[in-house]
PDB file of N, CA and C in Angstrom:
ATOM      1  N   UNK A   1       2.798 -23.296  12.959  1.00  0.00           N
ATOM      2  CA  UNK A   1       1.391 -23.140  13.288  1.00  0.00           C
ATOM      3  C   UNK A   1       0.721 -24.493  13.110  1.00  0.00           C
ATOM      4  N   UNK A   2      -0.053 -24.863  14.105  1.00  0.00           N
ATOM      5  CA  UNK A   2      -0.769 -26.132  14.000  1.00  0.00           C
ATOM      6  C   UNK A   2      -2.245 -25.896  14.320  1.00  0.00           C
ATOM      7  N   UNK A   3      -3.042 -26.822  13.852  1.00  0.00           N
ATOM      8  CA  UNK A   3      -4.468 -26.722  14.103  1.00  0.00           C
ATOM      9  C   UNK A   3      -4.804 -27.393  15.421  1.00  0.00           C
ATOM     10  N   UNK A   4      -5.719 -26.797  16.139  1.00  0.00           N
ATOM     11  CA  UNK A   4      -6.216 -27.342  17.397  1.00  0.00           C
ATOM     12  C   UNK A   4      -7.725 -27.492  17.276  1.00  0.00           C
ATOM     13  N   UNK A   5      -8.253 -28.496  17.923  1.00  0.00           N
ATOM     14  CA  UNK A   5      -9.709 -28.647  17.929  1.00  0.00           C
ATOM     15  C   UNK A   5     -10.284 -27.656  18.933  1.00  0.00           C
ATOM     16  N   UNK A   6     -11.162 -26.815  18.440  1.00  0.00           N
ATOM     17  CA  UNK A   6     -11.755 -25.782  19.287  1.00  0.00           C
ATOM     18  C   UNK A   6     -12.499 -26.404  20.468  1.00  0.00           C
ATOM     19  N   UNK A   7     -13.144 -27.535  20.242  1.00  0.00           N
ATOM     20  CA  UNK A   7     -13.911 -28.179  21.314  1.00  0.00           C
ATOM     21  C   UNK A   7     -13.017 -28.676  22.446  1.00  0.00           C
ATOM     22  N   UNK A   8     -11.726 -28.843  22.156  1.00  0.00           N
ATOM     23  CA  UNK A   8     -10.791 -29.272  23.198  1.00  0.00           C
ATOM     24  C   UNK A   8     -10.168 -28.097  23.945  1.00  0.00           C
ATOM     25  N   UNK A   9     -10.350 -26.900  23.418  1.00  0.00           N
ATOM     26  CA  UNK A   9      -9.687 -25.733  24.001  1.00  0.00           C
ATOM     27  C   UNK A   9     -10.678 -24.715  24.564  1.00  0.00           C
ATOM     28  N   UNK A  10     -11.717 -24.421  23.799  1.00  0.00           N
ATOM     29  CA  UNK A  10     -12.631 -23.346  24.176  1.00  0.00           C
ATOM     30  C   UNK A  10     -13.762 -23.860  25.060  1.00  0.00           C
ATOM     31  N   UNK A  11     -14.226 -23.001  25.955  1.00  0.00           N
ATOM     32  CA  UNK A  11     -15.417 -23.360  26.736  1.00  0.00           C
ATOM     33  C   UNK A  11     -16.610 -23.526  25.800  1.00  0.00           C
ATOM     34  N   UNK A  12     -17.538 -24.375  26.181  1.00  0.00           N
ATOM     35  CA  UNK A  12     -18.690 -24.700  25.327  1.00  0.00           C
ATOM     36  C   UNK A  12     -19.449 -23.446  24.896  1.00  0.00           C
ATOM     37  N   UNK A  13     -19.610 -22.497  25.818  1.00  0.00           N
ATOM     38  CA  UNK A  13     -20.359 -21.267  25.513  1.00  0.00           C
ATOM     39  C   UNK A  13     -19.653 -20.450  24.426  1.00  0.00           C
ATOM     40  N   UNK A  14     -18.334 -20.371  24.507  1.00  0.00           N
ATOM     41  CA  UNK A  14     -17.566 -19.610  23.522  1.00  0.00           C
ATOM     42  C   UNK A  14     -17.637 -20.305  22.164  1.00  0.00           C
ATOM     43  N   UNK A  15     -17.520 -21.629  22.166  1.00  0.00           N
ATOM     44  CA  UNK A  15     -17.596 -22.395  20.927  1.00  0.00           C
ATOM     45  C   UNK A  15     -18.947 -22.190  20.245  1.00  0.00           C
ATOM     46  N   UNK A  16     -20.027 -22.246  21.019  1.00  0.00           N
ATOM     47  CA  UNK A  16     -21.363 -22.043  20.447  1.00  0.00           C
ATOM     48  C   UNK A  16     -21.530 -20.634  19.907  1.00  0.00           C
ATOM     49  N   UNK A  17     -20.957 -19.664  20.587  1.00  0.00           N
ATOM     50  CA  UNK A  17     -21.024 -18.280  20.120  1.00  0.00           C
ATOM     51  C   UNK A  17     -20.295 -18.131  18.779  1.00  0.00           C
ATOM     52  N   UNK A  18     -19.121 -18.731  18.665  1.00  0.00           N
ATOM     53  CA  UNK A  18     -18.366 -18.670  17.413  1.00  0.00           C
ATOM     54  C   UNK A  18     -19.130 -19.384  16.303  1.00  0.00           C
ATOM     55  N   UNK A  19     -19.770 -20.503  16.629  1.00  0.00           N
ATOM     56  CA  UNK A  19     -20.531 -21.249  15.626  1.00  0.00           C
ATOM     57  C   UNK A  19     -21.685 -20.436  15.062  1.00  0.00           C
ATOM     58  N   UNK A  20     -22.173 -19.447  15.803  1.00  0.00           N
ATOM     59  CA  UNK A  20     -23.213 -18.553  15.277  1.00  0.00           C
ATOM     60  C   UNK A  20     -22.690 -17.729  14.099  1.00  0.00           C
ATOM     61  N   UNK A  21     -21.397 -17.472  14.081  1.00  0.00           N
ATOM     62  CA  UNK A  21     -20.798 -16.657  13.036  1.00  0.00           C
ATOM     63  C   UNK A  21     -20.178 -17.492  11.919  1.00  0.00           C
ATOM     64  N   UNK A  22     -19.549 -18.588  12.297  1.00  0.00           N
ATOM     65  CA  UNK A  22     -18.850 -19.413  11.317  1.00  0.00           C
ATOM     66  C   UNK A  22     -18.959 -20.864  11.770  1.00  0.00           C
ATOM     67  N   UNK A  23     -19.788 -21.614  11.085  1.00  0.00           N
ATOM     68  CA  UNK A  23     -20.100 -22.982  11.511  1.00  0.00           C
ATOM     69  C   UNK A  23     -19.397 -23.989  10.606  1.00  0.00           C
ATOM     70  N   UNK A  24     -18.440 -24.715  11.158  1.00  0.00           N
ATOM     71  CA  UNK A  24     -17.751 -25.760  10.407  1.00  0.00           C
ATOM     72  C   UNK A  24     -16.695 -25.261   9.442  1.00  0.00           C
ATOM     73  N   UNK A  25     -16.325 -23.999   9.502  1.00  0.00           N
ATOM     74  CA  UNK A  25     -15.302 -23.421   8.632  1.00  0.00           C
ATOM     75  C   UNK A  25     -14.019 -23.243   9.428  1.00  0.00           C
ATOM     76  N   UNK A  26     -12.930 -22.985   8.702  1.00  0.00           N
ATOM     77  CA  UNK A  26     -11.657 -22.701   9.357  1.00  0.00           C
ATOM     78  C   UNK A  26     -11.623 -21.241   9.771  1.00  0.00           C
ATOM     79  N   UNK A  27     -11.025 -20.995  10.919  1.00  0.00           N
ATOM     80  CA  UNK A  27     -10.917 -19.642  11.442  1.00  0.00           C
ATOM     81  C   UNK A  27      -9.485 -19.432  11.913  1.00  0.00           C
ATOM     82  N   UNK A  28      -8.847 -18.389  11.425  1.00  0.00           N
ATOM     83  CA  UNK A  28      -7.489 -18.063  11.846  1.00  0.00           C
ATOM     84  C   UNK A  28      -7.560 -17.052  12.971  1.00  0.00           C
ATOM     85  N   UNK A  29      -6.888 -17.330  14.049  1.00  0.00           N
ATOM     86  CA  UNK A  29      -6.821 -16.400  15.169  1.00  0.00           C
ATOM     87  C   UNK A  29      -5.384 -15.890  15.232  1.00  0.00           C
ATOM     88  N   UNK A  30      -5.171 -14.607  14.942  1.00  0.00           N
ATOM     89  CA  UNK A  30      -3.805 -14.072  14.895  1.00  0.00           C
ATOM     90  C   UNK A  30      -3.165 -14.001  16.285  1.00  0.00           C
ATOM     91  N   UNK A  31      -1.841 -13.990  16.291  1.00  0.00           N
ATOM     92  CA  UNK A  31      -1.100 -13.846  17.551  1.00  0.00           C
ATOM     93  C   UNK A  31      -1.308 -12.447  18.112  1.00  0.00           C
ATOM     94  N   UNK A  32      -1.132 -12.343  19.409  1.00  0.00           N
ATOM     95  CA  UNK A  32      -1.115 -11.022  20.028  1.00  0.00           C
ATOM     96  C   UNK A  32       0.141 -10.304  19.555  1.00  0.00           C
ATOM     97  N   UNK A  33       0.062  -8.990  19.442  1.00  0.00           N
ATOM     98  CA  UNK A  33       1.167  -8.193  18.917  1.00  0.00           C
ATOM     99  C   UNK A  33       2.450  -8.446  19.708  1.00  0.00           C
ATOM    100  N   UNK A  34       2.348  -8.516  21.012  1.00  0.00           N
ATOM    101  CA  UNK A  34       3.542  -8.692  21.842  1.00  0.00           C
ATOM    102  C   UNK A  34       4.159 -10.090  21.729  1.00  0.00           C
ATOM    103  N   UNK A  35       3.435 -11.027  21.126  1.00  0.00           N
ATOM    104  CA  UNK A  35       3.953 -12.383  20.965  1.00  0.00           C
ATOM    105  C   UNK A  35       4.400 -12.688  19.542  1.00  0.00           C
ATOM    106  N   UNK A  36       4.236 -11.710  18.636  1.00  0.00           N
ATOM    107  CA  UNK A  36       4.621 -11.929  17.235  1.00  0.00           C
ATOM    108  C   UNK A  36       6.125 -12.092  17.130  1.00  0.00           C
ATOM    109  N   UNK A  37       6.542 -12.950  16.208  1.00  0.00           N
ATOM    110  CA  UNK A  37       7.952 -13.186  15.957  1.00  0.00           C
ATOM    111  C   UNK A  37       8.307 -12.595  14.603  1.00  0.00           C
ATOM    112  N   UNK A  38       9.513 -12.096  14.503  1.00  0.00           N
ATOM    113  CA  UNK A  38       9.949 -11.532  13.233  1.00  0.00           C
ATOM    114  C   UNK A  38      10.313 -12.655  12.277  1.00  0.00           C
ATOM    115  N   UNK A  39      10.386 -12.330  10.998  1.00  0.00           N
ATOM    116  CA  UNK A  39      10.696 -13.317   9.988  1.00  0.00           C
ATOM    117  C   UNK A  39      12.057 -13.935  10.267  1.00  0.00           C
ATOM    118  N   UNK A  40      12.108 -15.270  10.256  1.00  0.00           N
ATOM    119  CA  UNK A  40      13.355 -15.984  10.446  1.00  0.00           C
ATOM    120  C   UNK A  40      13.799 -16.133  11.881  1.00  0.00           C
ATOM    121  N   UNK A  41      12.998 -15.679  12.823  1.00  0.00           N
ATOM    122  CA  UNK A  41      13.383 -15.711  14.235  1.00  0.00           C
ATOM    123  C   UNK A  41      13.488 -17.136  14.779  1.00  0.00           C
ATOM    124  N   UNK A  42      12.655 -18.024  14.285  1.00  0.00           N
ATOM    125  CA  UNK A  42      12.642 -19.381  14.823  1.00  0.00           C
ATOM    126  C   UNK A  42      13.506 -20.350  14.015  1.00  0.00           C
ATOM    127  N   UNK A  43      14.100 -19.879  12.926  1.00  0.00           N
ATOM    128  CA  UNK A  43      14.969 -20.729  12.111  1.00  0.00           C
ATOM    129  C   UNK A  43      16.316 -20.036  11.933  1.00  0.00           C
ATOM    130  N   UNK A  44      17.216 -20.694  11.268  1.00  0.00           N
ATOM    131  CA  UNK A  44      18.540 -20.118  11.022  1.00  0.00           C
ATOM    132  C   UNK A  44      18.653 -19.515   9.631  1.00  0.00           C
ATOM    133  N   UNK A  45      17.534 -19.299   8.965  1.00  0.00           N
ATOM    134  CA  UNK A  45      17.567 -18.837   7.577  1.00  0.00           C
ATOM    135  C   UNK A  45      18.215 -17.457   7.438  1.00  0.00           C
ATOM    136  N   UNK A  46      18.007 -16.572   8.406  1.00  0.00           N
ATOM    137  CA  UNK A  46      18.619 -15.242   8.324  1.00  0.00           C
ATOM    138  C   UNK A  46      20.137 -15.347   8.310  1.00  0.00           C
ATOM    139  N   UNK A  47      20.669 -16.184   9.212  1.00  0.00           N
ATOM    140  CA  UNK A  47      22.119 -16.356   9.280  1.00  0.00           C
ATOM    141  C   UNK A  47      22.648 -17.014   8.001  1.00  0.00           C
ATOM    142  N   UNK A  48      21.911 -18.006   7.493  1.00  0.00           N
ATOM    143  CA  UNK A  48      22.342 -18.698   6.277  1.00  0.00           C
ATOM    144  C   UNK A  48      22.373 -17.757   5.074  1.00  0.00           C
ATOM    145  N   UNK A  49      21.337 -16.920   4.947  1.00  0.00           N
ATOM    146  CA  UNK A  49      21.295 -15.970   3.832  1.00  0.00           C
ATOM    147  C   UNK A  49      22.373 -14.902   3.973  1.00  0.00           C
ATOM    148  N   UNK A  50      22.624 -14.476   5.189  1.00  0.00           N
ATOM    149  CA  UNK A  50      23.673 -13.487   5.430  1.00  0.00           C
ATOM    150  C   UNK A  50      25.038 -14.057   5.050  1.00  0.00           C
ATOM    151  N   UNK A  51      25.281 -15.303   5.426  1.00  0.00           N
ATOM    152  CA  UNK A  51      26.539 -15.969   5.081  1.00  0.00           C
ATOM    153  C   UNK A  51      26.667 -16.110   3.562  1.00  0.00           C
ATOM    154  N   UNK A  52      25.590 -16.539   2.907  1.00  0.00           N
ATOM    155  CA  UNK A  52      25.595 -16.685   1.454  1.00  0.00           C
ATOM    156  C   UNK A  52      25.879 -15.355   0.774  1.00  0.00           C
ATOM    157  N   UNK A  53      25.206 -14.299   1.241  1.00  0.00           N
ATOM    158  CA  UNK A  53      25.383 -12.988   0.622  1.00  0.00           C
ATOM    159  C   UNK A  53      26.806 -12.466   0.792  1.00  0.00           C
ATOM    160  N   UNK A  54      27.403 -12.742   1.948  1.00  0.00           N
ATOM    161  CA  UNK A  54      28.792 -12.357   2.175  1.00  0.00           C
ATOM    162  C   UNK A  54      29.712 -13.115   1.222  1.00  0.00           C
ATOM    163  N   UNK A  55      29.444 -14.399   1.027  1.00  0.00           N
ATOM    164  CA  UNK A  55      30.231 -15.204   0.082  1.00  0.00           C
ATOM    165  C   UNK A  55      30.104 -14.656  -1.334  1.00  0.00           C
ATOM    166  N   UNK A  56      28.893 -14.291  -1.713  1.00  0.00           N
ATOM    167  CA  UNK A  56      28.661 -13.728  -3.051  1.00  0.00           C
ATOM    168  C   UNK A  56      29.460 -12.441  -3.221  1.00  0.00           C
ATOM    169  N   UNK A  57      29.421 -11.581  -2.211  1.00  0.00           N
ATOM    170  CA  UNK A  57      30.125 -10.306  -2.292  1.00  0.00           C
ATOM    171  C   UNK A  57      31.636 -10.519  -2.381  1.00  0.00           C
ATOM    172  N   UNK A  58      32.165 -11.433  -1.584  1.00  0.00           N
ATOM    173  CA  UNK A  58      33.607 -11.716  -1.626  1.00  0.00           C
ATOM    174  C   UNK A  58      34.006 -12.271  -2.985  1.00  0.00           C
ATOM    175  N   UNK A  59      33.173 -13.145  -3.545  1.00  0.00           N
ATOM    176  CA  UNK A  59      33.456 -13.703  -4.874  1.00  0.00           C
ATOM    177  C   UNK A  59      33.416 -12.600  -5.929  1.00  0.00           C
ATOM    178  N   UNK A  60      32.484 -11.669  -5.783  1.00  0.00           N
ATOM    179  CA  UNK A  60      32.384 -10.537  -6.715  1.00  0.00           C
ATOM    180  C   UNK A  60      33.653  -9.678  -6.630  1.00  0.00           C
ATOM    181  N   UNK A  61      34.092  -9.398  -5.400  1.00  0.00           N
ATOM    182  CA  UNK A  61      35.307  -8.597  -5.224  1.00  0.00           C
ATOM    183  C   UNK A  61      36.541  -9.326  -5.757  1.00  0.00           C
ATOM    184  N   UNK A  62      36.491 -10.654  -5.733  1.00  0.00           N
ATOM    185  CA  UNK A  62      37.613 -11.445  -6.237  1.00  0.00           C
ATOM    186  C   UNK A  62      37.614 -11.532  -7.760  1.00  0.00           C
ATOM    187  N   UNK A  63      36.591 -10.988  -8.407  1.00  0.00           N
ATOM    188  CA  UNK A  63      36.601 -10.918  -9.860  1.00  0.00           C
ATOM    189  C   UNK A  63      35.544 -11.732 -10.585  1.00  0.00           C
ATOM    190  N   UNK A  64      34.708 -12.472  -9.849  1.00  0.00           N
ATOM    191  CA  UNK A  64      33.654 -13.231 -10.535  1.00  0.00           C
ATOM    192  C   UNK A  64      32.583 -12.257 -11.029  1.00  0.00           C
ATOM    193  N   UNK A  65      32.075 -12.528 -12.211  1.00  0.00           N
ATOM    194  CA  UNK A  65      31.075 -11.628 -12.805  1.00  0.00           C
ATOM    195  C   UNK A  65      29.691 -11.869 -12.198  1.00  0.00           C
ATOM    196  N   UNK A  66      28.826 -10.901 -12.377  1.00  0.00           N
ATOM    197  CA  UNK A  66      27.434 -10.996 -11.928  1.00  0.00           C
ATOM    198  C   UNK A  66      26.773 -12.219 -12.569  1.00  0.00           C
ATOM    199  N   UNK A  67      27.039 -12.437 -13.854  1.00  0.00           N
ATOM    200  CA  UNK A  67      26.430 -13.561 -14.571  1.00  0.00           C
ATOM    201  C   UNK A  67      26.918 -14.902 -14.027  1.00  0.00           C
ATOM    202  N   UNK A  68      28.211 -14.970 -13.738  1.00  0.00           N
ATOM    203  CA  UNK A  68      28.789 -16.194 -13.208  1.00  0.00           C
ATOM    204  C   UNK A  68      28.193 -16.510 -11.823  1.00  0.00           C
ATOM    205  N   UNK A  69      28.064 -15.489 -11.008  1.00  0.00           N
ATOM    206  CA  UNK A  69      27.500 -15.672  -9.665  1.00  0.00           C
ATOM    207  C   UNK A  69      26.029 -16.067  -9.735  1.00  0.00           C
ATOM    208  N   UNK A  70      25.308 -15.479 -10.676  1.00  0.00           N
ATOM    209  CA  UNK A  70      23.893 -15.835 -10.844  1.00  0.00           C
ATOM    210  C   UNK A  70      23.754 -17.306 -11.188  1.00  0.00           C
ATOM    211  N   UNK A  71      24.594 -17.803 -12.073  1.00  0.00           N
ATOM    212  CA  UNK A  71      24.565 -19.223 -12.433  1.00  0.00           C
ATOM    213  C   UNK A  71      24.979 -20.093 -11.253  1.00  0.00           C
ATOM    214  N   UNK A  72      26.002 -19.676 -10.552  1.00  0.00           N
ATOM    215  CA  UNK A  72      26.537 -20.461  -9.442  1.00  0.00           C
ATOM    216  C   UNK A  72      25.538 -20.594  -8.290  1.00  0.00           C
ATOM    217  N   UNK A  73      24.806 -19.518  -8.004  1.00  0.00           N
ATOM    218  CA  UNK A  73      23.877 -19.514  -6.859  1.00  0.00           C
ATOM    219  C   UNK A  73      22.409 -19.676  -7.269  1.00  0.00           C
ATOM    220  N   UNK A  74      22.179 -19.901  -8.543  1.00  0.00           N
ATOM    221  CA  UNK A  74      20.808 -20.089  -9.059  1.00  0.00           C
ATOM    222  C   UNK A  74      19.903 -18.897  -8.717  1.00  0.00           C
ATOM    223  N   UNK A  75      20.436 -17.707  -8.919  1.00  0.00           N
ATOM    224  CA  UNK A  75      19.703 -16.467  -8.687  1.00  0.00           C
ATOM    225  C   UNK A  75      19.709 -15.643  -9.968  1.00  0.00           C
ATOM    226  N   UNK A  76      18.813 -14.677 -10.032  1.00  0.00           N
ATOM    227  CA  UNK A  76      18.801 -13.781 -11.194  1.00  0.00           C
ATOM    228  C   UNK A  76      19.960 -12.783 -11.078  1.00  0.00           C
ATOM    229  N   UNK A  77      20.328 -12.202 -12.202  1.00  0.00           N
ATOM    230  CA  UNK A  77      21.390 -11.198 -12.170  1.00  0.00           C
ATOM    231  C   UNK A  77      20.962  -9.988 -11.337  1.00  0.00           C
ATOM    232  N   UNK A  78      19.691  -9.660 -11.382  1.00  0.00           N
ATOM    233  CA  UNK A  78      19.185  -8.542 -10.570  1.00  0.00           C
ATOM    234  C   UNK A  78      19.353  -8.833  -9.072  1.00  0.00           C
ATOM    235  N   UNK A  79      19.094 -10.080  -8.673  1.00  0.00           N
ATOM    236  CA  UNK A  79      19.261 -10.460  -7.267  1.00  0.00           C
ATOM    237  C   UNK A  79      20.725 -10.352  -6.852  1.00  0.00           C
ATOM    238  N   UNK A  80      21.617 -10.800  -7.708  1.00  0.00           N
ATOM    239  CA  UNK A  80      23.052 -10.704  -7.409  1.00  0.00           C
ATOM    240  C   UNK A  80      23.463  -9.239  -7.301  1.00  0.00           C
ATOM    241  N   UNK A  81      22.985  -8.404  -8.216  1.00  0.00           N
ATOM    242  CA  UNK A  81      23.298  -6.972  -8.161  1.00  0.00           C
ATOM    243  C   UNK A  81      22.799  -6.357  -6.856  1.00  0.00           C
ATOM    244  N   UNK A  82      21.593  -6.730  -6.446  1.00  0.00           N
ATOM    245  CA  UNK A  82      21.033  -6.208  -5.205  1.00  0.00           C
ATOM    246  C   UNK A  82      21.870  -6.651  -4.002  1.00  0.00           C
ATOM    247  N   UNK A  83      22.264  -7.932  -3.995  1.00  0.00           N
ATOM    248  CA  UNK A  83      23.069  -8.464  -2.895  1.00  0.00           C
ATOM    249  C   UNK A  83      24.416  -7.740  -2.828  1.00  0.00           C
ATOM    250  N   UNK A  84      25.059  -7.562  -3.968  1.00  0.00           N
ATOM    251  CA  UNK A  84      26.355  -6.875  -4.012  1.00  0.00           C
ATOM    252  C   UNK A  84      26.218  -5.450  -3.494  1.00  0.00           C
ATOM    253  N   UNK A  85      25.200  -4.751  -3.937  1.00  0.00           N
ATOM    254  CA  UNK A  85      24.980  -3.371  -3.491  1.00  0.00           C
ATOM    255  C   UNK A  85      24.723  -3.311  -1.987  1.00  0.00           C
ATOM    256  N   UNK A  86      23.859  -4.198  -1.481  1.00  0.00           N
ATOM    257  CA  UNK A  86      23.554  -4.204  -0.044  1.00  0.00           C
ATOM    258  C   UNK A  86      24.775  -4.563   0.795  1.00  0.00           C
ATOM    259  N   UNK A  87      25.545  -5.532   0.338  1.00  0.00           N
ATOM    260  CA  UNK A  87      26.754  -5.925   1.069  1.00  0.00           C
ATOM    261  C   UNK A  87      27.782  -4.795   1.057  1.00  0.00           C
ATOM    262  N   UNK A  88      27.884  -4.097  -0.060  1.00  0.00           N
ATOM    263  CA  UNK A  88      28.812  -2.968  -0.152  1.00  0.00           C
ATOM    264  C   UNK A  88      28.408  -1.880   0.849  1.00  0.00           C
ATOM    265  N   UNK A  89      27.117  -1.580   0.897  1.00  0.00           N
ATOM    266  CA  UNK A  89      26.616  -0.588   1.849  1.00  0.00           C
ATOM    267  C   UNK A  89      26.883  -1.022   3.278  1.00  0.00           C
ATOM    268  N   UNK A  90      26.638  -2.313   3.550  1.00  0.00           N
ATOM    269  CA  UNK A  90      26.837  -2.842   4.904  1.00  0.00           C
ATOM    270  C   UNK A  90      28.294  -2.741   5.336  1.00  0.00           C
ATOM    271  N   UNK A  91      29.214  -3.043   4.424  1.00  0.00           N
ATOM    272  CA  UNK A  91      30.629  -2.973   4.784  1.00  0.00           C
ATOM    273  C   UNK A  91      31.097  -1.536   4.957  1.00  0.00           C
ATOM    274  N   UNK A  92      30.504  -0.610   4.239  1.00  0.00           N
ATOM    275  CA  UNK A  92      30.866   0.799   4.393  1.00  0.00           C
ATOM    276  C   UNK A  92      30.360   1.377   5.711  1.00  0.00           C
ATOM    277  N   UNK A  93      29.266   0.818   6.228  1.00  0.00           N
ATOM    278  CA  UNK A  93      28.694   1.296   7.496  1.00  0.00           C
ATOM    279  C   UNK A  93      29.510   0.864   8.697  1.00  0.00           C
ATOM    280  N   UNK A  94      30.249  -0.229   8.549  1.00  0.00           N
ATOM    281  CA  UNK A  94      30.996  -0.729   9.709  1.00  0.00           C
ATOM    282  C   UNK A  94      32.416  -0.245   9.760  1.00  0.00           C
TER     283      UNK A  94
END
């Protein structure tokens, strides 16, 4: 998301109308529903986290403890437990 100068985009009449409501302040204009992107859609973070979680689950199955994995991945033990549970569910579904 980047800022645009309203005076460079909006017609003068529209700009003056908006200034009646909010003069010199920042205004966020949300995306249209049909143009909204889901979380991680524009980056590779979803794939990276999925790969990491699979690695964590494989390491857990290979015998590494929850505590060891938490230290290794800099996550809380609760996060590791959640990842292991979710990965187990995911593998059972396929």
